[in-house]
């Protein structure tokens, strides 16, 4: 029994180019890792045909993935965004305005911690500045974020297709089955 590998995993980071007017045909490996694009073309003609070019592209892609593994969920969660005003990733402060029955406006201020849950859905928790004070509310938000970050595991959702560990396991299983058939 051999393990089936999905087409998504086989073709992750690989695309086809066919330009009849320039007579260029082949496969392109294109991965983004830590802000850099890693791109290499595998022309059919230079690689012994369409199938051999694809095999070469897949081998190159697998080597790149070993050298530059897909980004983890935790790594994504600590990237400081350009619009971050607090200096702490995943923690922000904001104010909510509301109107009293007599028409006067008031504002409640909060510190908020954000993180993704196990399925990647956003989770947030708020701490009232009015209730706890500025520094305590801020500290509580930072602590909540840190505790949640300790629990985050796995790959970033957009990188899951780039996890080739199951491909390696499938190849090992296939080789073991071949050896077993030779002995039997």
N, C-alpha and C. Protein backbone atom coordinates (compact mmCIF):
# COMPACT_ATOMS: atom_id res chain seq x y z
N UNK A 1 0.84 -1.18 0.00
CA UNK A 1 0.00 0.00 0.00
C UNK A 1 0.89 1.24 0.00
N UNK A 2 0.73 2.11 -0.98
CA UNK A 2 1.54 3.33 -1.01
C UNK A 2 0.70 4.52 -0.57
N UNK A 3 1.36 5.49 0.04
CA UNK A 3 0.67 6.68 0.51
C UNK A 3 0.53 7.65 -0.66
N UNK A 4 -0.67 8.16 -0.83
CA UNK A 4 -0.93 9.13 -1.90
C UNK A 4 -0.56 10.53 -1.40
N UNK A 5 0.15 11.26 -2.21
CA UNK A 5 0.54 12.63 -1.89
C UNK A 5 -0.34 13.54 -2.73
N UNK A 6 -0.96 14.51 -2.08
CA UNK A 6 -1.88 15.39 -2.80
C UNK A 6 -1.14 16.20 -3.86
N UNK A 7 -1.86 16.56 -4.91
CA UNK A 7 -1.26 17.37 -5.97
C UNK A 7 -0.81 18.73 -5.44
N UNK A 8 -1.53 19.27 -4.43
CA UNK A 8 -1.13 20.54 -3.84
C UNK A 8 0.30 20.47 -3.31
N UNK A 9 0.63 19.40 -2.59
CA UNK A 9 1.97 19.26 -2.04
C UNK A 9 3.00 19.03 -3.13
N UNK A 10 2.64 18.24 -4.14
CA UNK A 10 3.58 17.96 -5.23
C UNK A 10 3.94 19.23 -5.99
N UNK A 11 2.97 20.12 -6.14
CA UNK A 11 3.18 21.31 -6.96
C UNK A 11 3.38 22.59 -6.15
N UNK A 12 3.50 22.48 -4.84
CA UNK A 12 3.71 23.66 -4.01
C UNK A 12 4.94 24.42 -4.48
N UNK A 13 4.78 25.70 -4.77
CA UNK A 13 5.89 26.56 -5.18
C UNK A 13 6.36 26.35 -6.61
N UNK A 14 5.63 25.53 -7.38
CA UNK A 14 6.04 25.23 -8.76
C UNK A 14 4.93 25.64 -9.71
N UNK A 15 5.31 26.32 -10.77
CA UNK A 15 4.33 26.70 -11.80
C UNK A 15 4.91 26.41 -13.18
N UNK A 16 4.03 26.34 -14.15
CA UNK A 16 4.41 26.02 -15.53
C UNK A 16 4.44 27.30 -16.35
N UNK A 17 5.43 27.42 -17.23
CA UNK A 17 5.43 28.51 -18.21
C UNK A 17 5.58 27.92 -19.60
N UNK A 18 4.74 28.37 -20.50
CA UNK A 18 4.75 27.96 -21.90
C UNK A 18 4.56 29.20 -22.75
N UNK A 19 5.60 29.62 -23.44
CA UNK A 19 5.54 30.79 -24.30
C UNK A 19 5.92 30.33 -25.71
N UNK A 20 4.90 30.09 -26.52
CA UNK A 20 5.13 29.57 -27.88
C UNK A 20 5.89 30.56 -28.76
N UNK A 21 5.60 31.85 -28.61
CA UNK A 21 6.26 32.84 -29.47
C UNK A 21 7.78 32.89 -29.24
N UNK A 22 8.21 32.69 -28.00
CA UNK A 22 9.64 32.69 -27.70
C UNK A 22 10.22 31.27 -27.62
N UNK A 23 9.36 30.29 -27.80
CA UNK A 23 9.75 28.87 -27.71
C UNK A 23 10.40 28.55 -26.37
N UNK A 24 9.83 29.08 -25.31
CA UNK A 24 10.31 28.76 -23.97
C UNK A 24 9.23 28.00 -23.22
N UNK A 25 9.61 26.85 -22.74
CA UNK A 25 8.69 25.98 -22.01
C UNK A 25 9.44 25.38 -20.83
N UNK A 26 8.78 25.35 -19.68
CA UNK A 26 9.45 24.75 -18.53
C UNK A 26 8.67 24.96 -17.26
N UNK A 27 9.36 24.70 -16.16
CA UNK A 27 8.79 24.82 -14.82
C UNK A 27 9.56 25.86 -14.03
N UNK A 28 8.87 26.58 -13.18
CA UNK A 28 9.50 27.63 -12.34
C UNK A 28 9.25 27.30 -10.87
N UNK A 29 10.32 27.29 -10.10
CA UNK A 29 10.21 27.17 -8.65
C UNK A 29 10.28 28.59 -8.10
N UNK A 30 9.29 28.94 -7.31
CA UNK A 30 9.21 30.29 -6.76
C UNK A 30 8.71 30.22 -5.32
N UNK A 31 9.58 30.56 -4.38
CA UNK A 31 9.23 30.57 -2.96
C UNK A 31 9.65 31.89 -2.34
N UNK A 32 8.87 32.37 -1.40
CA UNK A 32 9.24 33.57 -0.64
C UNK A 32 9.60 33.11 0.77
N UNK A 33 10.79 33.46 1.18
CA UNK A 33 11.25 33.12 2.52
C UNK A 33 11.92 34.33 3.15
N UNK A 34 11.40 34.71 4.28
CA UNK A 34 11.93 35.84 5.06
C UNK A 34 12.14 37.08 4.21
N UNK A 35 11.14 37.39 3.40
CA UNK A 35 11.15 38.61 2.59
C UNK A 35 11.93 38.51 1.29
N UNK A 36 12.52 37.37 1.00
CA UNK A 36 13.29 37.20 -0.24
C UNK A 36 12.60 36.22 -1.16
N UNK A 37 12.64 36.51 -2.45
CA UNK A 37 12.09 35.59 -3.45
C UNK A 37 13.20 34.66 -3.91
N UNK A 38 12.93 33.38 -3.88
CA UNK A 38 13.85 32.36 -4.37
C UNK A 38 13.22 31.79 -5.63
N UNK A 39 13.81 32.10 -6.79
CA UNK A 39 13.22 31.72 -8.07
C UNK A 39 14.27 31.03 -8.93
N UNK A 40 13.87 29.92 -9.56
CA UNK A 40 14.74 29.23 -10.50
C UNK A 40 13.87 28.56 -11.55
N UNK A 41 14.29 28.67 -12.82
CA UNK A 41 13.57 28.06 -13.93
C UNK A 41 14.21 26.74 -14.33
N UNK A 42 13.37 25.81 -14.78
CA UNK A 42 13.81 24.50 -15.25
C UNK A 42 13.23 24.27 -16.63
N UNK A 43 13.93 24.75 -17.69
CA UNK A 43 13.43 24.61 -19.06
C UNK A 43 13.37 23.13 -19.47
N UNK A 44 12.33 22.80 -20.23
CA UNK A 44 12.15 21.41 -20.70
C UNK A 44 13.36 20.96 -21.51
N UNK A 45 13.77 21.78 -22.45
CA UNK A 45 14.83 21.40 -23.39
C UNK A 45 16.14 21.09 -22.67
N UNK A 46 16.50 21.94 -21.72
CA UNK A 46 17.76 21.79 -21.01
C UNK A 46 17.74 20.64 -19.99
N UNK A 47 16.53 20.20 -19.61
CA UNK A 47 16.41 19.17 -18.58
C UNK A 47 15.92 17.82 -19.11
N UNK A 48 15.90 17.65 -20.42
CA UNK A 48 15.55 16.35 -20.99
C UNK A 48 14.07 16.09 -21.13
N UNK A 49 13.29 17.15 -21.27
CA UNK A 49 11.86 16.98 -21.47
C UNK A 49 11.04 17.50 -20.31
N UNK A 50 9.72 17.54 -20.55
CA UNK A 50 8.79 18.12 -19.59
C UNK A 50 8.78 17.39 -18.25
N UNK A 51 8.73 16.06 -18.28
CA UNK A 51 8.68 15.28 -17.03
C UNK A 51 9.97 15.38 -16.24
N UNK A 52 11.11 15.29 -16.92
CA UNK A 52 12.39 15.39 -16.22
C UNK A 52 12.60 16.79 -15.65
N UNK A 53 12.14 17.80 -16.38
CA UNK A 53 12.25 19.18 -15.89
C UNK A 53 11.41 19.35 -14.62
N UNK A 54 10.21 18.74 -14.62
CA UNK A 54 9.37 18.81 -13.43
C UNK A 54 10.02 18.10 -12.26
N UNK A 55 10.59 16.94 -12.47
CA UNK A 55 11.28 16.21 -11.40
C UNK A 55 12.44 17.03 -10.84
N UNK A 56 13.19 17.69 -11.74
CA UNK A 56 14.30 18.55 -11.30
C UNK A 56 13.78 19.72 -10.48
N UNK A 57 12.67 20.31 -10.93
CA UNK A 57 12.08 21.44 -10.20
C UNK A 57 11.61 20.99 -8.82
N UNK A 58 10.98 19.82 -8.74
CA UNK A 58 10.50 19.32 -7.45
C UNK A 58 11.67 19.02 -6.51
N UNK A 59 12.73 18.45 -7.03
CA UNK A 59 13.92 18.17 -6.21
C UNK A 59 14.52 19.47 -5.67
N UNK A 60 14.63 20.47 -6.56
CA UNK A 60 15.17 21.77 -6.15
C UNK A 60 14.28 22.41 -5.09
N UNK A 61 12.96 22.36 -5.31
CA UNK A 61 12.02 22.92 -4.34
C UNK A 61 12.15 22.23 -2.99
N UNK A 62 12.27 20.89 -2.99
CA UNK A 62 12.41 20.15 -1.74
C UNK A 62 13.69 20.52 -1.01
N UNK A 63 14.77 20.74 -1.74
CA UNK A 63 16.03 21.18 -1.11
C UNK A 63 15.87 22.57 -0.50
N UNK A 64 15.19 23.46 -1.23
CA UNK A 64 14.95 24.81 -0.69
C UNK A 64 14.12 24.73 0.59
N UNK A 65 13.11 23.85 0.60
CA UNK A 65 12.26 23.73 1.77
C UNK A 65 13.02 23.17 2.97
N UNK A 66 14.01 22.31 2.72
CA UNK A 66 14.85 21.83 3.81
C UNK A 66 15.71 22.96 4.36
N UNK A 67 16.25 23.75 3.45
CA UNK A 67 17.14 24.84 3.84
C UNK A 67 16.36 26.01 4.45
N UNK A 68 15.20 26.30 3.87
CA UNK A 68 14.35 27.40 4.32
C UNK A 68 12.94 26.87 4.59
N UNK A 69 12.71 26.26 5.77
CA UNK A 69 11.40 25.67 6.04
C UNK A 69 10.30 26.74 6.07
N UNK A 70 9.04 26.30 5.87
CA UNK A 70 7.93 27.24 5.91
C UNK A 70 7.85 27.94 7.27
N UNK A 71 7.32 29.13 7.28
CA UNK A 71 7.23 29.94 8.49
C UNK A 71 6.20 29.34 9.45
N UNK A 72 6.51 29.39 10.73
CA UNK A 72 5.59 28.86 11.73
C UNK A 72 4.56 29.91 12.11
N UNK A 73 3.49 29.45 12.74
CA UNK A 73 2.45 30.38 13.20
C UNK A 73 3.02 31.36 14.22
N UNK A 74 3.92 30.86 15.08
CA UNK A 74 4.51 31.72 16.11
C UNK A 74 5.37 32.81 15.47
N UNK A 75 6.13 32.45 14.43
CA UNK A 75 6.96 33.44 13.73
C UNK A 75 6.10 34.53 13.10
N UNK A 76 4.97 34.14 12.52
CA UNK A 76 4.07 35.13 11.90
C UNK A 76 3.49 36.05 12.97
N UNK A 77 3.16 35.48 14.11
CA UNK A 77 2.52 36.25 15.18
C UNK A 77 3.43 37.28 15.83
N UNK A 78 4.74 37.14 15.68
CA UNK A 78 5.65 38.11 16.31
C UNK A 78 6.18 39.15 15.33
N UNK A 79 5.75 39.08 14.07
CA UNK A 79 6.19 40.09 13.09
C UNK A 79 5.58 41.43 13.48
N UNK A 80 6.44 42.41 13.66
CA UNK A 80 5.96 43.74 14.03
C UNK A 80 5.46 44.46 12.77
N UNK A 81 4.23 44.87 12.78
CA UNK A 81 3.61 45.53 11.64
C UNK A 81 4.00 47.01 11.59
N UNK A 82 3.94 47.57 10.40
CA UNK A 82 4.35 48.98 10.23
C UNK A 82 3.39 49.94 10.93
N UNK A 83 2.15 49.51 11.15
CA UNK A 83 1.18 50.40 11.81
C UNK A 83 1.14 50.21 13.32
N UNK A 84 2.09 49.46 13.88
CA UNK A 84 2.13 49.21 15.31
C UNK A 84 2.54 50.49 16.03
N UNK A 85 1.69 50.94 16.92
CA UNK A 85 1.97 52.19 17.66
C UNK A 85 2.43 51.92 19.09
N UNK A 86 2.20 50.70 19.61
CA UNK A 86 2.55 50.41 21.00
C UNK A 86 3.95 49.83 21.17
N UNK A 87 4.51 49.30 20.08
CA UNK A 87 5.82 48.67 20.17
C UNK A 87 5.75 47.21 20.60
N UNK A 88 4.55 46.72 20.86
CA UNK A 88 4.37 45.34 21.30
C UNK A 88 3.43 44.65 20.31
N UNK A 89 3.94 43.64 19.62
CA UNK A 89 3.14 42.94 18.63
C UNK A 89 1.95 42.26 19.30
N UNK A 90 0.76 42.46 18.72
CA UNK A 90 -0.45 41.81 19.23
C UNK A 90 -1.10 42.50 20.40
N UNK A 91 -0.57 43.66 20.80
CA UNK A 91 -1.15 44.41 21.91
C UNK A 91 -1.39 45.83 21.43
N UNK A 92 -2.61 46.32 21.67
CA UNK A 92 -2.93 47.69 21.25
C UNK A 92 -3.82 48.35 22.30
N UNK A 93 -3.96 49.63 22.18
CA UNK A 93 -4.85 50.38 23.05
C UNK A 93 -5.87 51.10 22.17
N UNK A 94 -7.07 51.27 22.69
CA UNK A 94 -8.10 51.97 21.94
C UNK A 94 -9.14 52.54 22.90
N UNK A 95 -9.92 53.45 22.39
CA UNK A 95 -10.99 54.06 23.17
C UNK A 95 -12.33 53.85 22.50
N UNK A 96 -13.36 53.64 23.33
CA UNK A 96 -14.73 53.50 22.84
C UNK A 96 -15.53 54.69 23.35
N UNK A 97 -16.16 55.37 22.43
CA UNK A 97 -16.99 56.51 22.83
C UNK A 97 -18.44 56.06 22.97
N UNK A 98 -19.09 56.65 23.95
CA UNK A 98 -20.51 56.37 24.13
C UNK A 98 -21.19 57.62 24.66
N UNK A 99 -22.49 57.67 24.47
CA UNK A 99 -23.28 58.84 24.87
C UNK A 99 -24.19 58.46 26.04
N UNK A 100 -24.19 59.31 27.07
CA UNK A 100 -25.07 59.11 28.22
C UNK A 100 -26.47 59.60 27.88
N UNK A 101 -27.43 59.23 28.72
CA UNK A 101 -28.82 59.65 28.50
C UNK A 101 -28.98 61.16 28.47
N UNK A 102 -28.14 61.88 29.21
CA UNK A 102 -28.25 63.35 29.22
C UNK A 102 -27.55 64.00 28.02
N UNK A 103 -26.96 63.18 27.11
CA UNK A 103 -26.35 63.71 25.90
C UNK A 103 -24.86 63.92 25.97
N UNK A 104 -24.26 63.80 27.16
CA UNK A 104 -22.82 63.99 27.26
C UNK A 104 -22.10 62.75 26.72
N UNK A 105 -20.92 63.01 26.12
CA UNK A 105 -20.10 61.93 25.56
C UNK A 105 -19.01 61.54 26.54
N UNK A 106 -18.77 60.24 26.62
CA UNK A 106 -17.69 59.71 27.45
C UNK A 106 -16.87 58.74 26.62
N UNK A 107 -15.69 58.45 27.12
CA UNK A 107 -14.85 57.48 26.44
C UNK A 107 -14.30 56.49 27.46
N UNK A 108 -14.38 55.22 27.11
CA UNK A 108 -13.73 54.17 27.90
C UNK A 108 -12.51 53.71 27.13
N UNK A 109 -11.39 53.59 27.82
CA UNK A 109 -10.15 53.16 27.16
C UNK A 109 -9.82 51.74 27.58
N UNK A 110 -9.22 51.02 26.65
CA UNK A 110 -8.88 49.62 26.86
C UNK A 110 -7.50 49.31 26.31
N UNK A 111 -6.87 48.28 26.90
CA UNK A 111 -5.72 47.63 26.30
C UNK A 111 -6.22 46.28 25.84
N UNK A 112 -5.81 45.88 24.63
CA UNK A 112 -6.31 44.65 24.04
C UNK A 112 -5.15 43.76 23.60
N UNK A 113 -5.26 42.47 23.85
CA UNK A 113 -4.29 41.48 23.37
C UNK A 113 -4.98 40.64 22.30
N UNK A 114 -4.26 40.34 21.20
CA UNK A 114 -4.78 39.55 20.08
C UNK A 114 -3.85 38.40 19.75
N UNK A 115 -4.44 37.28 19.33
CA UNK A 115 -3.67 36.13 18.86
C UNK A 115 -4.63 35.19 18.13
N UNK A 116 -4.10 34.25 17.35
CA UNK A 116 -4.97 33.29 16.67
C UNK A 116 -5.18 32.05 17.54
N UNK A 117 -6.37 31.44 17.46
CA UNK A 117 -6.60 30.19 18.17
C UNK A 117 -6.03 29.01 17.37
N UNK A 118 -6.27 27.80 17.81
CA UNK A 118 -5.70 26.62 17.15
C UNK A 118 -6.12 26.49 15.70
N UNK A 119 -7.30 26.99 15.34
CA UNK A 119 -7.78 26.93 13.96
C UNK A 119 -7.40 28.16 13.14
N UNK A 120 -6.73 29.12 13.76
CA UNK A 120 -6.32 30.33 13.06
C UNK A 120 -7.31 31.48 13.16
N UNK A 121 -8.38 31.30 13.93
CA UNK A 121 -9.36 32.36 14.11
C UNK A 121 -8.86 33.37 15.14
N UNK A 122 -9.18 34.64 14.93
CA UNK A 122 -8.67 35.66 15.86
C UNK A 122 -9.33 35.58 17.24
N UNK A 123 -8.52 35.76 18.27
CA UNK A 123 -8.99 35.82 19.66
C UNK A 123 -8.49 37.13 20.23
N UNK A 124 -9.31 37.79 21.02
CA UNK A 124 -8.85 39.01 21.68
C UNK A 124 -9.44 39.08 23.09
N UNK A 125 -8.72 39.76 23.95
CA UNK A 125 -9.18 39.98 25.32
C UNK A 125 -8.87 41.44 25.66
N UNK A 126 -9.82 42.12 26.32
CA UNK A 126 -9.69 43.54 26.63
C UNK A 126 -9.53 43.75 28.14
N UNK A 127 -8.78 44.81 28.49
CA UNK A 127 -8.58 45.18 29.88
C UNK A 127 -8.85 46.69 30.00
N UNK A 128 -9.82 47.01 30.81
CA UNK A 128 -10.29 48.39 30.94
C UNK A 128 -9.30 49.26 31.71
N UNK A 129 -8.95 50.39 31.11
CA UNK A 129 -8.09 51.37 31.79
C UNK A 129 -8.87 52.00 32.93
N UNK A 130 -10.18 52.22 32.73
CA UNK A 130 -11.02 52.80 33.79
C UNK A 130 -11.04 51.89 35.02
N UNK A 131 -11.07 50.57 34.81
CA UNK A 131 -11.17 49.62 35.92
C UNK A 131 -9.82 49.34 36.57
N UNK A 132 -8.77 49.13 35.76
CA UNK A 132 -7.47 48.69 36.29
C UNK A 132 -6.41 49.77 36.33
N UNK A 133 -6.60 50.86 35.61
CA UNK A 133 -5.56 51.87 35.48
C UNK A 133 -4.71 51.55 34.25
N UNK A 134 -4.03 52.58 33.73
CA UNK A 134 -3.27 52.46 32.48
C UNK A 134 -2.21 51.37 32.54
N UNK A 135 -1.33 51.41 33.52
CA UNK A 135 -0.21 50.48 33.58
C UNK A 135 -0.65 49.05 33.86
N UNK A 136 -1.59 48.86 34.76
CA UNK A 136 -2.05 47.49 35.09
C UNK A 136 -2.78 46.89 33.89
N UNK A 137 -3.64 47.65 33.24
CA UNK A 137 -4.36 47.15 32.06
C UNK A 137 -3.37 46.78 30.95
N UNK A 138 -2.38 47.62 30.76
CA UNK A 138 -1.34 47.34 29.74
C UNK A 138 -0.58 46.06 30.10
N UNK A 139 -0.16 45.93 31.34
CA UNK A 139 0.57 44.74 31.79
C UNK A 139 -0.27 43.48 31.65
N UNK A 140 -1.56 43.57 31.96
CA UNK A 140 -2.44 42.42 31.84
C UNK A 140 -2.58 41.98 30.37
N UNK A 141 -2.67 42.94 29.47
CA UNK A 141 -2.76 42.62 28.04
C UNK A 141 -1.47 41.96 27.55
N UNK A 142 -0.34 42.48 27.96
CA UNK A 142 0.96 41.91 27.56
C UNK A 142 1.09 40.49 28.10
N UNK A 143 0.73 40.29 29.37
CA UNK A 143 0.81 38.96 29.97
C UNK A 143 -0.13 37.97 29.26
N UNK A 144 -1.34 38.40 28.95
CA UNK A 144 -2.30 37.53 28.25
C UNK A 144 -1.75 37.13 26.88
N UNK A 145 -1.18 38.06 26.19
CA UNK A 145 -0.60 37.78 24.87
C UNK A 145 0.55 36.77 24.98
N UNK A 146 1.43 36.98 25.94
CA UNK A 146 2.58 36.08 26.12
C UNK A 146 2.14 34.66 26.46
N UNK A 147 1.15 34.54 27.36
CA UNK A 147 0.64 33.22 27.72
C UNK A 147 0.04 32.52 26.50
N UNK A 148 -0.73 33.25 25.71
CA UNK A 148 -1.34 32.68 24.51
C UNK A 148 -0.28 32.27 23.50
N UNK A 149 0.75 33.08 23.34
CA UNK A 149 1.82 32.79 22.38
C UNK A 149 2.58 31.52 22.75
N UNK A 150 2.68 31.22 24.05
CA UNK A 150 3.35 29.98 24.48
C UNK A 150 2.61 28.75 23.99
N UNK A 151 1.32 28.88 23.73
CA UNK A 151 0.49 27.74 23.32
C UNK A 151 0.43 27.56 21.80
N UNK A 152 0.87 28.54 21.03
CA UNK A 152 0.74 28.49 19.57
C UNK A 152 1.76 27.53 18.98
N UNK A 153 1.26 26.63 18.11
CA UNK A 153 2.12 25.65 17.47
C UNK A 153 1.77 25.54 15.99
N UNK A 154 2.61 24.85 15.25
CA UNK A 154 2.31 24.54 13.86
C UNK A 154 2.77 25.59 12.88
N UNK A 155 2.45 25.32 11.61
CA UNK A 155 2.84 26.20 10.52
C UNK A 155 1.79 27.26 10.27
N UNK A 156 2.23 28.37 9.74
CA UNK A 156 1.32 29.43 9.30
C UNK A 156 0.42 28.84 8.23
N UNK A 157 -0.87 29.17 8.25
CA UNK A 157 -1.85 28.53 7.35
C UNK A 157 -1.44 28.59 5.88
N UNK A 158 -0.80 29.67 5.45
CA UNK A 158 -0.42 29.80 4.04
C UNK A 158 0.80 28.95 3.72
N UNK A 159 1.49 28.44 4.74
CA UNK A 159 2.70 27.64 4.52
C UNK A 159 2.46 26.15 4.68
N UNK A 160 1.27 25.75 5.10
CA UNK A 160 1.02 24.34 5.37
C UNK A 160 1.29 23.45 4.16
N UNK A 161 0.99 23.94 2.96
CA UNK A 161 1.24 23.12 1.76
C UNK A 161 2.73 22.92 1.53
N UNK A 162 3.57 23.76 2.12
CA UNK A 162 5.01 23.65 1.94
C UNK A 162 5.67 22.69 2.89
N UNK A 163 4.89 22.08 3.79
CA UNK A 163 5.45 21.11 4.73
C UNK A 163 5.63 19.79 3.99
N UNK A 164 6.86 19.44 3.72
CA UNK A 164 7.13 18.22 2.93
C UNK A 164 7.55 17.06 3.81
N UNK A 165 7.38 17.17 5.13
CA UNK A 165 7.79 16.05 5.99
C UNK A 165 7.00 14.80 5.65
N UNK A 166 5.72 14.95 5.27
CA UNK A 166 4.93 13.78 4.91
C UNK A 166 5.41 13.17 3.59
N UNK A 167 5.97 13.96 2.70
CA UNK A 167 6.52 13.44 1.44
C UNK A 167 7.72 12.56 1.75
N UNK A 168 8.59 13.05 2.65
CA UNK A 168 9.77 12.29 3.05
C UNK A 168 9.33 10.97 3.68
N UNK A 169 8.33 11.01 4.58
CA UNK A 169 7.82 9.80 5.22
C UNK A 169 7.24 8.84 4.19
N UNK A 170 6.52 9.37 3.21
CA UNK A 170 5.93 8.52 2.16
C UNK A 170 7.02 7.83 1.35
N UNK A 171 8.10 8.55 1.03
CA UNK A 171 9.20 7.96 0.27
C UNK A 171 9.88 6.85 1.07
N UNK A 172 10.05 7.06 2.36
CA UNK A 172 10.65 6.03 3.22
C UNK A 172 9.75 4.80 3.25
N UNK A 173 8.43 5.01 3.40
CA UNK A 173 7.49 3.88 3.43
C UNK A 173 7.52 3.10 2.12
N UNK A 174 7.56 3.81 1.01
CA UNK A 174 7.61 3.14 -0.30
C UNK A 174 8.89 2.32 -0.44
N UNK A 175 10.02 2.86 0.01
CA UNK A 175 11.30 2.14 -0.08
C UNK A 175 11.27 0.90 0.82
N UNK A 176 10.70 1.02 2.00
CA UNK A 176 10.60 -0.13 2.90
C UNK A 176 9.73 -1.22 2.28
N UNK A 177 8.65 -0.82 1.60
CA UNK A 177 7.77 -1.80 0.96
C UNK A 177 8.50 -2.51 -0.18
N UNK A 178 9.29 -1.75 -0.94
CA UNK A 178 10.06 -2.36 -2.03
C UNK A 178 11.05 -3.39 -1.48
N UNK A 179 11.75 -3.04 -0.41
CA UNK A 179 12.71 -3.95 0.19
C UNK A 179 12.01 -5.19 0.74
N UNK A 180 10.83 -5.00 1.34
CA UNK A 180 10.06 -6.10 1.89
C UNK A 180 9.64 -7.07 0.79
N UNK A 181 9.25 -6.55 -0.38
CA UNK A 181 8.83 -7.39 -1.51
C UNK A 181 10.00 -8.22 -2.02
N UNK A 182 11.23 -7.63 -2.01
CA UNK A 182 12.42 -8.35 -2.48
C UNK A 182 12.74 -9.53 -1.58
N UNK A 183 12.56 -9.35 -0.25
CA UNK A 183 12.86 -10.38 0.71
C UNK A 183 11.81 -11.49 0.65
N UNK A 184 10.56 -11.14 0.46
CA UNK A 184 9.45 -12.12 0.49
C UNK A 184 9.40 -13.01 -0.71
